C-alpha atoms as a PDB file:
ATOM      1  CA  MET A   1     -34.830   6.312   7.399  1.00  0.00           C
ATOM      2  CA  THR A   2     -31.537   6.079   5.612  1.00  0.00           C
ATOM      3  CA  ASP A   3     -28.936   3.244   6.706  1.00  0.00           C
ATOM      4  CA  PRO A   4     -25.969   5.208   8.100  1.00  0.00           C
ATOM      5  CA  GLY A   5     -23.788   3.309   5.929  1.00  0.00           C
ATOM      6  CA  GLU A   6     -25.106   3.903   2.814  1.00  0.00           C
ATOM      7  CA  LEU A   7     -24.661   7.136   3.197  1.00  0.00           C
ATOM      8  CA  ARG A   8     -22.786   8.904   0.266  1.00  0.00           C
ATOM      9  CA  ALA A   9     -19.387   9.692   1.039  1.00  0.00           C
ATOM     10  CA  SER A  10     -17.487  12.861   0.467  1.00  0.00           C
ATOM     11  CA  ASP A  11     -14.135  14.042  -1.303  1.00  0.00           C
ATOM     12  CA  ALA A  12     -12.912  14.827   2.288  1.00  0.00           C
ATOM     13  CA  GLU A  13     -14.042  11.807   4.336  1.00  0.00           C
ATOM     14  CA  ARG A  14     -12.353  10.011   1.558  1.00  0.00           C
ATOM     15  CA  GLU A  15      -8.967  11.893   1.655  1.00  0.00           C
ATOM     16  CA  ALA A  16      -9.044  11.462   5.527  1.00  0.00           C
ATOM     17  CA  VAL A  17      -9.422   7.781   5.234  1.00  0.00           C
ATOM     18  CA  VAL A  18      -6.298   8.101   2.984  1.00  0.00           C
ATOM     19  CA  GLU A  19      -4.390   9.977   5.501  1.00  0.00           C
ATOM     20  CA  GLN A  20      -5.160   7.367   8.157  1.00  0.00           C
ATOM     21  CA  LEU A  21      -4.239   4.444   6.276  1.00  0.00           C
ATOM     22  CA  ARG A  22      -0.838   6.700   5.722  1.00  0.00           C
ATOM     23  CA  VAL A  23       0.013   7.130   9.296  1.00  0.00           C
ATOM     24  CA  ALA A  24      -0.895   3.119   9.770  1.00  0.00           C
ATOM     25  CA  SER A  25       1.917   2.720   6.849  1.00  0.00           C
ATOM     26  CA  VAL A  26       4.027   4.523   8.680  1.00  0.00           C
ATOM     27  CA  GLU A  27       3.351   2.773  11.823  1.00  0.00           C
ATOM     28  CA  GLY A  28       3.856  -0.513  10.544  1.00  0.00           C
ATOM     29  CA  ARG A  29       0.212  -1.555  10.589  1.00  0.00           C
ATOM     30  CA  LEU A  30       0.345  -1.411   6.613  1.00  0.00           C
ATOM     31  CA  THR A  31       2.667  -2.899   3.878  1.00  0.00           C
ATOM     32  CA  LEU A  32       3.207  -0.776   0.816  1.00  0.00           C
ATOM     33  CA  ALA A  33       1.035  -2.763  -1.145  1.00  0.00           C
ATOM     34  CA  GLU A  34      -1.431  -3.313   1.416  1.00  0.00           C
ATOM     35  CA  LEU A  35      -1.453   0.974   1.642  1.00  0.00           C
ATOM     36  CA  THR A  36      -1.687   1.416  -2.535  1.00  0.00           C
ATOM     37  CA  ASP A  37      -4.531  -1.399  -2.238  1.00  0.00           C
ATOM     38  CA  ARG A  38      -6.492   0.722  -0.080  1.00  0.00           C
ATOM     39  CA  THR A  39      -5.728   3.788  -0.967  1.00  0.00           C
ATOM     40  CA  GLU A  40      -7.259   3.241  -4.474  1.00  0.00           C
ATOM     41  CA  ALA A  41     -10.009   1.685  -2.880  1.00  0.00           C
ATOM     42  CA  ALA A  42     -10.579   4.253  -0.800  1.00  0.00           C
ATOM     43  CA  TYR A  43     -10.668   6.910  -3.397  1.00  0.00           C
ATOM     44  CA  SER A  44     -13.064   4.838  -5.145  1.00  0.00           C
ATOM     45  CA  ALA A  45     -15.269   4.195  -2.518  1.00  0.00           C
ATOM     46  CA  THR A  46     -19.204   5.868  -2.688  1.00  0.00           C
ATOM     47  CA  THR A  47     -20.707   5.154   0.671  1.00  0.00           C
ATOM     48  CA  HIS A  48     -19.428   5.252   4.127  1.00  0.00           C
ATOM     49  CA  ALA A  49     -19.623   1.584   4.829  1.00  0.00           C
ATOM     50  CA  GLU A  50     -17.347   1.123   2.070  1.00  0.00           C
ATOM     51  CA  LEU A  51     -14.740   3.612   3.743  1.00  0.00           C
ATOM     52  CA  ALA A  52     -15.374   1.695   6.859  1.00  0.00           C
ATOM     53  CA  LEU A  53     -14.463  -1.721   5.215  1.00  0.00           C
ATOM     54  CA  LEU A  54     -10.937  -0.401   4.598  1.00  0.00           C
ATOM     55  CA  THR A  55      -9.890   0.817   8.506  1.00  0.00           C
ATOM     56  CA  GLN A  56     -11.674  -1.736  10.185  1.00  0.00           C
ATOM     57  CA  ASP A  57      -8.940  -3.445  11.087  1.00  0.00           C
ATOM     58  CA  LEU A  58      -6.955   0.117  12.363  1.00  0.00           C
ATOM     59  CA  PRO A  59      -6.993   1.524  15.168  1.00  0.00           C
ATOM     60  CA  SER A  60     -10.099   4.025  15.476  1.00  0.00           C
ATOM     61  CA  GLY A  61     -10.523   7.331  16.353  1.00  0.00           C
ATOM     62  CA  ALA A  62      -8.623  10.509  15.578  1.00  0.00           C
ATOM     63  CA  MET A  63      -4.698   9.968  15.757  1.00  0.00           C
ATOM     64  CA  PRO A  64      -2.229  12.675  15.202  1.00  0.00           C
ATOM     65  CA  ALA A  65      -0.196  11.814  11.843  1.00  0.00           C
ATOM     66  CA  PRO A  66       3.314  10.673  13.092  1.00  0.00           C
ATOM     67  CA  ALA A  67       6.160  13.522  12.019  1.00  0.00           C
ATOM     68  CA  PRO A  68       7.902  12.422   8.998  1.00  0.00           C
ATOM     69  CA  VAL A  69      11.314  10.063  10.448  1.00  0.00           C
ATOM     70  CA  HIS A  70      14.620  11.928   9.994  1.00  0.00           C
ATOM     71  CA  HIS A  71      17.930   9.650  11.176  1.00  0.00           C
ATOM     72  CA  GLU A  72      20.561  12.039  11.881  1.00  0.00           C
ATOM     73  CA  GLY A  73      23.565  10.972  10.846  1.00  0.00           C
ATOM     74  CA  ARG A  74      22.301   7.878   9.641  1.00  0.00           C
ATOM     75  CA  LYS A  75      23.617   5.972   6.619  1.00  0.00           C
ATOM     76  CA  ARG A  76      22.169   5.026   3.500  1.00  0.00           C
ATOM     77  CA  ARG A  77      21.286   1.034   3.175  1.00  0.00           C
ATOM     78  CA  TRP A  78      23.334  -0.554   0.154  1.00  0.00           C
ATOM     79  CA  PHE A  79      22.779  -3.371  -1.344  1.00  0.00           C
ATOM     80  CA  VAL A  80      25.764  -4.149  -3.912  1.00  0.00           C
ATOM     81  CA  GLY A  81      26.125  -7.099  -6.545  1.00  0.00           C
ATOM     82  CA  VAL A  82      29.152  -7.119  -8.266  1.00  0.00           C
ATOM     83  CA  MET A  83      29.745  -9.976 -10.898  1.00  0.00           C
ATOM     84  CA  GLY A  84      26.914 -11.985  -8.522  1.00  0.00           C
ATOM     85  CA  ASP A  85      23.580 -11.213  -7.188  1.00  0.00           C
ATOM     86  CA  ALA A  86      21.746  -8.710  -4.723  1.00  0.00           C
ATOM     87  CA  LYS A  87      17.905  -9.588  -3.829  1.00  0.00           C
ATOM     88  CA  ARG A  88      15.588  -7.864  -1.303  1.00  0.00           C
ATOM     89  CA  ARG A  89      12.124  -9.859  -1.257  1.00  0.00           C
ATOM     90  CA  GLY A  90       9.629 -10.251   0.959  1.00  0.00           C
ATOM     91  CA  THR A  91       8.746  -8.444   3.995  1.00  0.00           C
ATOM     92  CA  TRP A  92      11.287  -5.914   5.615  1.00  0.00           C
ATOM     93  CA  ARG A  93      11.332  -2.811   6.781  1.00  0.00           C
ATOM     94  CA  ILE A  94      11.973   0.743   5.278  1.00  0.00           C
ATOM     95  CA  ASP A  95      13.205   3.464   7.640  1.00  0.00           C
ATOM     96  CA  GLN A  96      15.905   5.391   5.692  1.00  0.00           C
ATOM     97  CA  GLU A  97      17.412   6.362   1.990  1.00  0.00           C
ATOM     98  CA  LEU A  98      18.693   2.952   0.320  1.00  0.00           C
ATOM     99  CA  GLY A  99      21.357   2.281  -2.170  1.00  0.00           C
ATOM    100  CA  ALA A 100      21.768   0.045  -5.307  1.00  0.00           C
ATOM    101  CA  VAL A 101      25.174  -0.984  -7.104  1.00  0.00           C
ATOM    102  CA  ALA A 102      25.296  -3.628  -9.562  1.00  0.00           C
ATOM    103  CA  VAL A 103      28.097  -3.561 -11.450  1.00  0.00           C
ATOM    104  CA  MET A 104      28.295  -6.719 -13.440  1.00  0.00           C
ATOM    105  CA  GLY A 105      26.087  -7.801 -11.564  1.00  0.00           C
ATOM    106  CA  ASP A 106      21.845  -7.535 -10.904  1.00  0.00           C
ATOM    107  CA  VAL A 107      20.294  -6.170  -7.741  1.00  0.00           C
ATOM    108  CA  VAL A 108      16.471  -6.457  -7.403  1.00  0.00           C
ATOM    109  CA  LEU A 109      14.455  -4.601  -4.498  1.00  0.00           C
ATOM    110  CA  ASP A 110      11.100  -5.975  -4.259  1.00  0.00           C
ATOM    111  CA  LEU A 111       9.253  -3.162  -2.398  1.00  0.00           C
ATOM    112  CA  ARG A 112       5.852  -4.364  -2.415  1.00  0.00           C
ATOM    113  CA  GLU A 113       5.474  -6.711   0.951  1.00  0.00           C
ATOM    114  CA  ALA A 114       8.039  -4.104   2.508  1.00  0.00           C
ATOM    115  CA  GLU A 115       6.973  -1.817   5.925  1.00  0.00           C
ATOM    116  CA  VAL A 116       7.938   1.682   4.363  1.00  0.00           C
ATOM    117  CA  ARG A 117       7.909   3.886   7.845  1.00  0.00           C
ATOM    118  CA  THR A 118       9.088   7.019   6.146  1.00  0.00           C
ATOM    119  CA  ASP A 119       6.644   9.505   4.156  1.00  0.00           C
ATOM    120  CA  MET A 120       8.898   8.903   0.716  1.00  0.00           C
ATOM    121  CA  VAL A 121      11.296   5.767  -0.178  1.00  0.00           C
ATOM    122  CA  ASP A 122      14.379   7.376  -1.712  1.00  0.00           C
ATOM    123  CA  ILE A 123      16.445   5.048  -3.861  1.00  0.00           C
ATOM    124  CA  THR A 124      20.060   5.894  -5.719  1.00  0.00           C
ATOM    125  CA  ALA A 125      20.628   3.171  -8.180  1.00  0.00           C
ATOM    126  CA  VAL A 126      24.003   2.845 -10.029  1.00  0.00           C
ATOM    127  CA  SER A 127      24.256   0.361 -12.719  1.00  0.00           C
ATOM    128  CA  VAL A 128      27.980  -0.113 -14.551  1.00  0.00           C
ATOM    129  CA  MET A 129      27.314  -3.153 -16.878  1.00  0.00           C
ATOM    130  CA  GLY A 130      24.560  -4.339 -14.919  1.00  0.00           C
ATOM    131  CA  ASP A 131      20.641  -4.505 -14.039  1.00  0.00           C
ATOM    132  CA  VAL A 132      19.017  -2.813 -11.198  1.00  0.00           C
ATOM    133  CA  LYS A 133      15.420  -3.733 -11.041  1.00  0.00           C
ATOM    134  CA  ILE A 134      13.137  -2.019  -8.170  1.00  0.00           C
ATOM    135  CA  ILE A 135       9.390  -3.771  -8.247  1.00  0.00           C
ATOM    136  CA  VAL A 136       6.719  -1.841  -6.457  1.00  0.00           C
ATOM    137  CA  PRO A 137       2.892  -2.407  -6.419  1.00  0.00           C
ATOM    138  CA  ASP A 138       1.152  -0.456  -9.302  1.00  0.00           C
ATOM    139  CA  GLY A 139      -0.563   2.254  -8.380  1.00  0.00           C
ATOM    140  CA  VAL A 140       2.439   4.319  -6.814  1.00  0.00           C
ATOM    141  CA  ASN A 141       4.240   7.869  -7.785  1.00  0.00           C
ATOM    142  CA  VAL A 142       7.282   6.773  -9.166  1.00  0.00           C
ATOM    143  CA  ASP A 143       9.612  10.210  -9.725  1.00  0.00           C
ATOM    144  CA  LEU A 144      13.017   8.741 -11.642  1.00  0.00           C
ATOM    145  CA  ASP A 145      16.001  11.036 -12.351  1.00  0.00           C
ATOM    146  CA  GLY A 146      19.282  10.320 -13.437  1.00  0.00           C
ATOM    147  CA  VAL A 147      21.961   9.632 -16.360  1.00  0.00           C
ATOM    148  CA  ALA A 148      22.006   6.739 -18.905  1.00  0.00           C
ATOM    149  CA  ILE A 149      25.179   6.529 -20.367  1.00  0.00           C
ATOM    150  CA  MET A 150      24.725   3.415 -23.279  1.00  0.00           C
ATOM    151  CA  GLY A 151      22.528   1.924 -20.970  1.00  0.00           C
ATOM    152  CA  ASP A 152      18.794   2.648 -20.262  1.00  0.00           C
ATOM    153  CA  LYS A 153      16.710   3.823 -17.124  1.00  0.00           C
ATOM    154  CA  LYS A 154      13.131   3.341 -17.622  1.00  0.00           C
ATOM    155  CA  VAL A 155       9.839   3.368 -15.619  1.00  0.00           C
ATOM    156  CA  ASP A 156       7.017   0.338 -16.516  1.00  0.00           C
ATOM    157  CA  VAL A 157       4.379   1.082 -13.610  1.00  0.00           C
ATOM    158  CA  LEU A 158       0.843   1.745 -13.927  1.00  0.00           C
ATOM    159  CA  GLU A 159       0.908   4.724 -11.480  1.00  0.00           C
ATOM    160  CA  ALA A 160      -2.569   6.378 -10.265  1.00  0.00           C
ATOM    161  CA  ALA A 161      -4.709   8.878 -11.346  1.00  0.00           C
ATOM    162  CA  PRO A 162      -2.848  12.730 -11.220  1.00  0.00           C
ATOM    163  CA  GLY A 163      -4.339  14.155  -7.636  1.00  0.00           C
ATOM    164  CA  MET A 164      -4.712  10.774  -5.761  1.00  0.00           C
ATOM    165  CA  ASN A 165      -2.326  11.127  -2.533  1.00  0.00           C
ATOM    166  CA  VAL A 166      -0.685   8.318  -3.337  1.00  0.00           C
ATOM    167  CA  PRO A 167       2.548   6.782  -1.997  1.00  0.00           C
ATOM    168  CA  VAL A 168       5.763   8.053  -4.031  1.00  0.00           C
ATOM    169  CA  VAL A 169       8.958   6.197  -4.657  1.00  0.00           C
ATOM    170  CA  ARG A 170      11.573   8.167  -6.170  1.00  0.00           C
ATOM    171  CA  VAL A 171      14.734   6.977  -7.686  1.00  0.00           C
ATOM    172  CA  HIS A 172      17.890   8.373  -8.809  1.00  0.00           C
ATOM    173  CA  ALA A 173      18.976   6.439 -11.544  1.00  0.00           C
ATOM    174  CA  TYR A 174      23.191   6.137 -13.127  1.00  0.00           C
ATOM    175  CA  ALA A 175      23.457   3.434 -15.750  1.00  0.00           C
ATOM    176  CA  VAL A 176      26.468   3.379 -17.868  1.00  0.00           C
ATOM    177  CA  MET A 177      26.379   0.114 -20.217  1.00  0.00           C
ATOM    178  CA  GLY A 178      23.428  -1.001 -17.720  1.00  0.00           C
ATOM    179  CA  ASP A 179      19.678  -0.938 -17.008  1.00  0.00           C
ATOM    180  CA  VAL A 180      17.769   0.697 -13.710  1.00  0.00           C
ATOM    181  CA  LYS A 181      14.243  -0.070 -14.340  1.00  0.00           C
ATOM    182  CA  VAL A 182      11.736   0.147 -12.252  1.00  0.00           C
ATOM    183  CA  ILE A 183       8.632  -2.068 -12.691  1.00  0.00           C
ATOM    184  CA  GLY A 184       4.639  -2.112 -11.691  1.00  0.00           C
ATOM    185  CA  ASP A 185       3.480  -5.836  -9.780  1.00  0.00           C
ATOM    186  CA  SER A 186       1.522  -6.500 -13.590  1.00  0.00           C
ATOM    187  CA  ARG A 187       4.971  -6.892 -14.768  1.00  0.00           C
ATOM    188  CA  ALA A 188       6.809  -8.662 -12.341  1.00  0.00           C
ATOM    189  CA  GLN A 189       5.870 -12.278 -11.091  1.00  0.00           C
ATOM    190  CA  PRO A 190       2.656 -11.684  -9.456  1.00  0.00           C
ATOM    191  CA  LEU A 191       2.104 -11.528  -5.389  1.00  0.00           C
ATOM    192  CA  GLN A 192      -0.686 -12.305  -3.604  1.00  0.00           C
ATOM    193  CA  ARG A 193      -1.434  -9.439  -1.815  1.00  0.00           C
ATOM    194  CA  GLY A 194      -3.406  -9.775   1.372  1.00  0.00           C
ATOM    195  CA  PHE A 195      -6.332  -7.622   1.356  1.00  0.00           C
ATOM    196  CA  ALA A 196      -6.510  -7.859  -2.666  1.00  0.00           C
ATOM    197  CA  ALA A 197      -6.963 -12.183  -1.727  1.00  0.00           C
ATOM    198  CA  TRP A 198      -9.319 -11.019   1.100  1.00  0.00           C
ATOM    199  CA  ARG A 199     -11.851  -9.582  -1.343  1.00  0.00           C
ATOM    200  CA  GLU A 200     -11.546 -12.475  -3.897  1.00  0.00           C
ATOM    201  CA  HIS A 201     -11.897 -14.947  -1.470  1.00  0.00           C
ATOM    202  CA  TRP A 202     -15.249 -13.052  -0.129  1.00  0.00           C
ATOM    203  CA  ARG A 203     -15.973 -13.475  -3.943  1.00  0.00           C
ATOM    204  CA  ARG A 204     -15.478 -17.149  -4.012  1.00  0.00           C
ATOM    205  CA  LEU A 205     -17.711 -18.051  -1.154  1.00  0.00           C
ATOM    206  CA  HIS A 206     -20.495 -15.858  -1.810  1.00  0.00           C
ATOM    207  CA  GLY A 207     -20.508 -14.974  -5.232  1.00  0.00           C
ATOM    208  CA  GLU A 208     -21.026 -11.159  -4.421  1.00  0.00           C
ATOM    209  CA  ASP A 209     -18.765  -7.668  -4.742  1.00  0.00           C
ATOM    210  CA  TRP A 210     -16.669  -7.609  -1.735  1.00  0.00           C
ATOM    211  CA  ARG A 211     -18.285  -4.217  -0.829  1.00  0.00           C
ATOM    212  CA  ALA A 212     -21.289  -6.714   0.005  1.00  0.00           C
ATOM    213  CA  LEU A 213     -19.530  -7.484   3.586  1.00  0.00           C
ATOM    214  CA  GLY A 214     -20.760  -3.924   4.571  1.00  0.00           C
ATOM    215  CA  ARG A 215     -24.070  -4.384   3.871  1.00  0.00           C
ATOM    216  CA  GLN A 216     -24.140  -8.305   5.510  1.00  0.00           C
ATOM    217  CA  MET A 217     -22.119  -6.563   8.710  1.00  0.00           C
ATOM    218  CA  ARG A 218     -24.585  -3.696   8.797  1.00  0.00           C
ATOM    219  CA  GLN A 219     -27.614  -6.475   8.750  1.00  0.00           C
ATOM    220  CA  ASP A 220     -26.099  -8.997  11.368  1.00  0.00           C
ATOM    221  CA  GLY A 221     -26.049  -5.776  13.319  1.00  0.00           C
ATOM    222  CA  ARG A 222     -29.192  -4.723  12.787  1.00  0.00           C
ATOM    223  CA  GLU A 223     -30.474  -8.533  13.765  1.00  0.00           C
ATOM    224  CA  LEU A 224     -28.415  -8.653  16.715  1.00  0.00           C
ATOM    225  CA  GLY A 225     -29.746  -5.341  18.204  1.00  0.00           C
ATOM    226  CA  ARG A 226     -33.004  -6.831  17.970  1.00  0.00           C
ATOM    227  CA  GLN A 227     -31.942 -10.069  19.106  1.00  0.00           C
ATOM    228  CA  LEU A 228     -31.031  -7.886  22.167  1.00  0.00           C
ATOM    229  CA  ARG A 229     -33.904  -5.704  22.725  1.00  0.00           C
ATOM    230  CA  GLU A 230     -36.155  -8.909  22.530  1.00  0.00           C
ATOM    231  CA  GLU A 231     -34.181 -10.673  25.362  1.00  0.00           C
ATOM    232  CA  ARG A 232     -34.034  -7.464  27.843  1.00  0.00           C
ATOM    233  CA  ARG A 233     -37.893  -7.410  26.625  1.00  0.00           C
ATOM    234  CA  ASN A 234     -38.228 -10.691  28.181  1.00  0.00           C
ATOM    235  CA  LEU A 235     -36.104 -10.066  31.146  1.00  0.00           C
ATOM    236  CA  ARG A 236     -38.666  -6.989  32.280  1.00  0.00           C
ATOM    237  CA  ARG A 237     -41.773  -9.647  31.469  1.00  0.00           C
ATOM    238  CA  GLY A 238     -39.946 -11.981  33.863  1.00  0.00           C
ATOM    239  CA  TYR A 239     -39.482 -14.922  31.653  1.00  0.00           C
END
């Protein structure tokens, strides 16, 4: 009899897990980096066990997707560097549109550990003889538009394959003798992501791929079930 966990995953099941991950992100349960990691892993999963591993620490059951967040009349959140620096790193919440202005200064927005409560990250970046750097997890889709006059606007991100439902970062760039850059994790100072670090920890402990955890969990579950059945038989026999 085939172990349910070893059944092959379908495209529809992968998409359902990706949607559950997206909902969890909007609810603040996953950072942008964690969402990107798990989304990529969901699309590459081949069995039910691999998909289950990606959502085992999230609420189970069918959950309606929350409506997109709209903040009527709420102002854009600005980060400004005028002949100085403005940096936002680490854990922070994104629940509105963002703005970055660098005038003969530098602005750095690191989105990797941010909790993104909206369906899309929308950023207006203005650079006048300065630099705006936006750091994102590799695997997101970046939509960059705008104008560069005697300056530069560019994307250096390892994006996901076409057709994947991955997070989107939209940047409207205006550079005058300055630069607006969107760079991925591999081009920035490395960030030890929680999910990736957990997988690497499992490899160091067991010398196996992280998918082995699913197989081990199923084996442990079967052994526990066997012991419980044996205990019930002993109780009926009066031991």
